[in-house]
Amino acid sequence: MNKLRYGCVGAGAIADKKHIMEYSAMENVELVAICDTNAKAAGFLAEKYKMPKVYKDYNEMFAKANKNN
């Protein structure tokens, strides 16, 4: 079974306490990126949830994700 590759747009409290936390507990989901204009907040969550990519522009994140598929 292929894993769902998840990239989060937004690094606020809801992303941290709800979306990313729940996706990280799913075996069929791979956390691959986070995007927020606040690079510090995005970097914090990327480190916390072991996401390898951090972006400030969601268009760049989606463009790079599409190139990798």
N, C-alpha and C. Protein backbone atom coordinates (compact mmCIF):
# COMPACT_ATOMS: atom_id res chain seq x y z
N MET A 1 0.85 -1.18 0.00
CA MET A 1 0.00 0.00 0.00
C MET A 1 0.89 1.25 0.00
N ASN A 2 0.60 2.18 -0.88
CA ASN A 2 1.34 3.44 -0.91
C ASN A 2 0.93 4.33 0.25
N LYS A 3 1.92 5.05 0.77
CA LYS A 3 1.63 5.98 1.85
C LYS A 3 1.16 7.31 1.27
N LEU A 4 0.27 7.96 1.99
CA LEU A 4 -0.14 9.32 1.68
C LEU A 4 0.99 10.23 2.11
N ARG A 5 1.48 11.07 1.21
CA ARG A 5 2.53 12.03 1.52
C ARG A 5 1.85 13.34 1.92
N TYR A 6 2.06 13.76 3.16
CA TYR A 6 1.35 14.90 3.72
C TYR A 6 2.27 16.10 3.86
N GLY A 7 1.83 17.22 3.29
CA GLY A 7 2.50 18.50 3.46
C GLY A 7 1.50 19.47 4.07
N CYS A 8 1.86 20.05 5.19
CA CYS A 8 0.95 20.92 5.93
C CYS A 8 1.18 22.38 5.55
N VAL A 9 0.10 23.09 5.27
CA VAL A 9 0.16 24.53 5.05
C VAL A 9 -0.34 25.19 6.33
N GLY A 10 0.56 25.87 7.00
CA GLY A 10 0.24 26.53 8.25
C GLY A 10 0.89 25.82 9.43
N ALA A 11 1.52 26.60 10.29
CA ALA A 11 2.24 26.02 11.42
C ALA A 11 1.71 26.56 12.74
N GLY A 12 0.43 26.79 12.80
CA GLY A 12 -0.19 27.31 14.01
C GLY A 12 -0.59 26.20 14.97
N ALA A 13 -1.32 26.58 15.99
CA ALA A 13 -1.71 25.65 17.05
C ALA A 13 -2.60 24.53 16.54
N ILE A 14 -3.50 24.82 15.62
CA ILE A 14 -4.39 23.76 15.12
C ILE A 14 -3.59 22.72 14.34
N ALA A 15 -2.63 23.17 13.55
CA ALA A 15 -1.77 22.22 12.82
C ALA A 15 -1.02 21.33 13.81
N ASP A 16 -0.48 21.94 14.85
CA ASP A 16 0.31 21.20 15.84
C ASP A 16 -0.55 20.26 16.67
N LYS A 17 -1.60 20.75 17.24
CA LYS A 17 -2.40 19.98 18.19
C LYS A 17 -3.45 19.08 17.56
N LYS A 18 -3.70 19.24 16.27
CA LYS A 18 -4.75 18.46 15.63
C LYS A 18 -4.23 17.74 14.38
N HIS A 19 -4.02 18.50 13.30
CA HIS A 19 -3.71 17.89 12.00
C HIS A 19 -2.43 17.06 12.00
N ILE A 20 -1.31 17.69 12.29
CA ILE A 20 -0.04 16.98 12.20
C ILE A 20 0.04 15.87 13.24
N MET A 21 -0.40 16.16 14.44
CA MET A 21 -0.36 15.15 15.50
C MET A 21 -1.13 13.89 15.09
N GLU A 22 -2.32 14.08 14.52
CA GLU A 22 -3.13 12.93 14.14
C GLU A 22 -2.56 12.20 12.93
N TYR A 23 -2.09 12.95 11.93
CA TYR A 23 -1.48 12.30 10.76
C TYR A 23 -0.21 11.55 11.15
N SER A 24 0.55 12.08 12.10
CA SER A 24 1.80 11.41 12.50
C SER A 24 1.54 10.05 13.16
N ALA A 25 0.36 9.85 13.68
CA ALA A 25 0.01 8.58 14.33
C ALA A 25 -0.48 7.53 13.34
N MET A 26 -0.69 7.91 12.09
CA MET A 26 -1.21 6.98 11.09
C MET A 26 -0.07 6.29 10.36
N GLU A 27 -0.12 4.98 10.29
CA GLU A 27 0.92 4.19 9.64
C GLU A 27 1.00 4.43 8.13
N ASN A 28 -0.10 4.78 7.52
CA ASN A 28 -0.13 4.95 6.07
C ASN A 28 0.09 6.39 5.62
N VAL A 29 0.63 7.24 6.51
CA VAL A 29 0.90 8.64 6.19
C VAL A 29 2.37 8.94 6.44
N GLU A 30 2.98 9.61 5.47
CA GLU A 30 4.37 10.07 5.59
C GLU A 30 4.36 11.59 5.66
N LEU A 31 4.87 12.16 6.73
CA LEU A 31 4.96 13.61 6.88
C LEU A 31 6.18 14.08 6.09
N VAL A 32 5.96 14.90 5.05
CA VAL A 32 7.07 15.26 4.17
C VAL A 32 7.44 16.73 4.18
N ALA A 33 6.50 17.62 4.55
CA ALA A 33 6.82 19.05 4.47
C ALA A 33 5.84 19.87 5.28
N ILE A 34 6.30 21.08 5.60
CA ILE A 34 5.44 22.07 6.24
C ILE A 34 5.75 23.42 5.64
N CYS A 35 4.73 24.26 5.57
CA CYS A 35 4.87 25.58 4.97
C CYS A 35 4.19 26.62 5.85
N ASP A 36 4.90 27.71 6.10
CA ASP A 36 4.32 28.84 6.81
C ASP A 36 5.20 30.05 6.54
N THR A 37 4.59 31.22 6.48
CA THR A 37 5.37 32.45 6.28
C THR A 37 6.25 32.73 7.50
N ASN A 38 5.90 32.14 8.63
CA ASN A 38 6.72 32.23 9.83
C ASN A 38 7.68 31.04 9.83
N ALA A 39 8.88 31.27 9.33
CA ALA A 39 9.85 30.18 9.18
C ALA A 39 10.22 29.56 10.52
N LYS A 40 10.24 30.34 11.57
CA LYS A 40 10.59 29.82 12.89
C LYS A 40 9.54 28.81 13.36
N ALA A 41 8.26 29.16 13.20
CA ALA A 41 7.17 28.25 13.61
C ALA A 41 7.19 26.98 12.76
N ALA A 42 7.40 27.12 11.45
CA ALA A 42 7.45 25.96 10.57
C ALA A 42 8.64 25.07 10.92
N GLY A 43 9.78 25.69 11.19
CA GLY A 43 10.97 24.93 11.56
C GLY A 43 10.78 24.17 12.86
N PHE A 44 10.12 24.79 13.81
CA PHE A 44 9.85 24.14 15.10
C PHE A 44 9.01 22.88 14.90
N LEU A 45 7.92 23.00 14.13
CA LEU A 45 7.06 21.83 13.91
C LEU A 45 7.75 20.78 13.04
N ALA A 46 8.54 21.22 12.09
CA ALA A 46 9.29 20.27 11.25
C ALA A 46 10.21 19.43 12.11
N GLU A 47 10.89 20.07 13.04
CA GLU A 47 11.78 19.33 13.95
C GLU A 47 10.98 18.43 14.89
N LYS A 48 9.91 18.97 15.44
CA LYS A 48 9.08 18.21 16.39
C LYS A 48 8.53 16.93 15.78
N TYR A 49 8.06 17.02 14.52
CA TYR A 49 7.42 15.89 13.86
C TYR A 49 8.31 15.22 12.81
N LYS A 50 9.58 15.61 12.77
CA LYS A 50 10.56 15.01 11.86
C LYS A 50 10.16 15.12 10.39
N MET A 51 9.72 16.31 10.00
CA MET A 51 9.39 16.59 8.60
C MET A 51 10.64 17.13 7.92
N PRO A 52 11.07 16.53 6.81
CA PRO A 52 12.34 16.91 6.21
C PRO A 52 12.37 18.24 5.46
N LYS A 53 11.25 18.77 5.04
CA LYS A 53 11.23 19.99 4.23
C LYS A 53 10.43 21.09 4.89
N VAL A 54 10.96 22.31 4.81
CA VAL A 54 10.29 23.50 5.34
C VAL A 54 10.23 24.54 4.23
N TYR A 55 9.06 25.12 4.03
CA TYR A 55 8.86 26.14 2.99
C TYR A 55 8.18 27.36 3.57
N LYS A 56 8.43 28.51 2.95
CA LYS A 56 7.72 29.75 3.30
C LYS A 56 6.62 30.04 2.28
N ASP A 57 6.64 29.37 1.14
CA ASP A 57 5.69 29.61 0.05
C ASP A 57 5.02 28.29 -0.33
N TYR A 58 3.72 28.23 -0.16
CA TYR A 58 3.00 26.98 -0.46
C TYR A 58 3.05 26.63 -1.94
N ASN A 59 3.13 27.63 -2.82
CA ASN A 59 3.24 27.33 -4.25
C ASN A 59 4.52 26.56 -4.55
N GLU A 60 5.61 26.96 -3.91
CA GLU A 60 6.88 26.25 -4.09
C GLU A 60 6.76 24.82 -3.55
N MET A 61 6.14 24.66 -2.38
CA MET A 61 5.98 23.33 -1.80
C MET A 61 5.21 22.42 -2.74
N PHE A 62 4.09 22.90 -3.28
CA PHE A 62 3.28 22.08 -4.17
C PHE A 62 4.00 21.80 -5.48
N ALA A 63 4.72 22.79 -6.01
CA ALA A 63 5.45 22.59 -7.26
C ALA A 63 6.53 21.51 -7.09
N LYS A 64 7.24 21.55 -5.99
CA LYS A 64 8.29 20.55 -5.75
C LYS A 64 7.67 19.18 -5.49
N ALA A 65 6.53 19.13 -4.82
CA ALA A 65 5.87 17.86 -4.58
C ALA A 65 5.43 17.22 -5.89
N ASN A 66 4.92 18.02 -6.82
CA ASN A 66 4.47 17.51 -8.10
C ASN A 66 5.64 17.00 -8.95
N LYS A 67 6.81 17.61 -8.82
CA LYS A 67 7.99 17.16 -9.56
C LYS A 67 8.48 15.81 -9.05
N ASN A 68 8.25 15.54 -7.76
CA ASN A 68 8.73 14.29 -7.16
C ASN A 68 7.79 13.13 -7.42
N ASN A 69 6.65 13.36 -8.01
CA ASN A 69 5.69 12.27 -8.28
C ASN A 69 5.76 11.82 -9.70
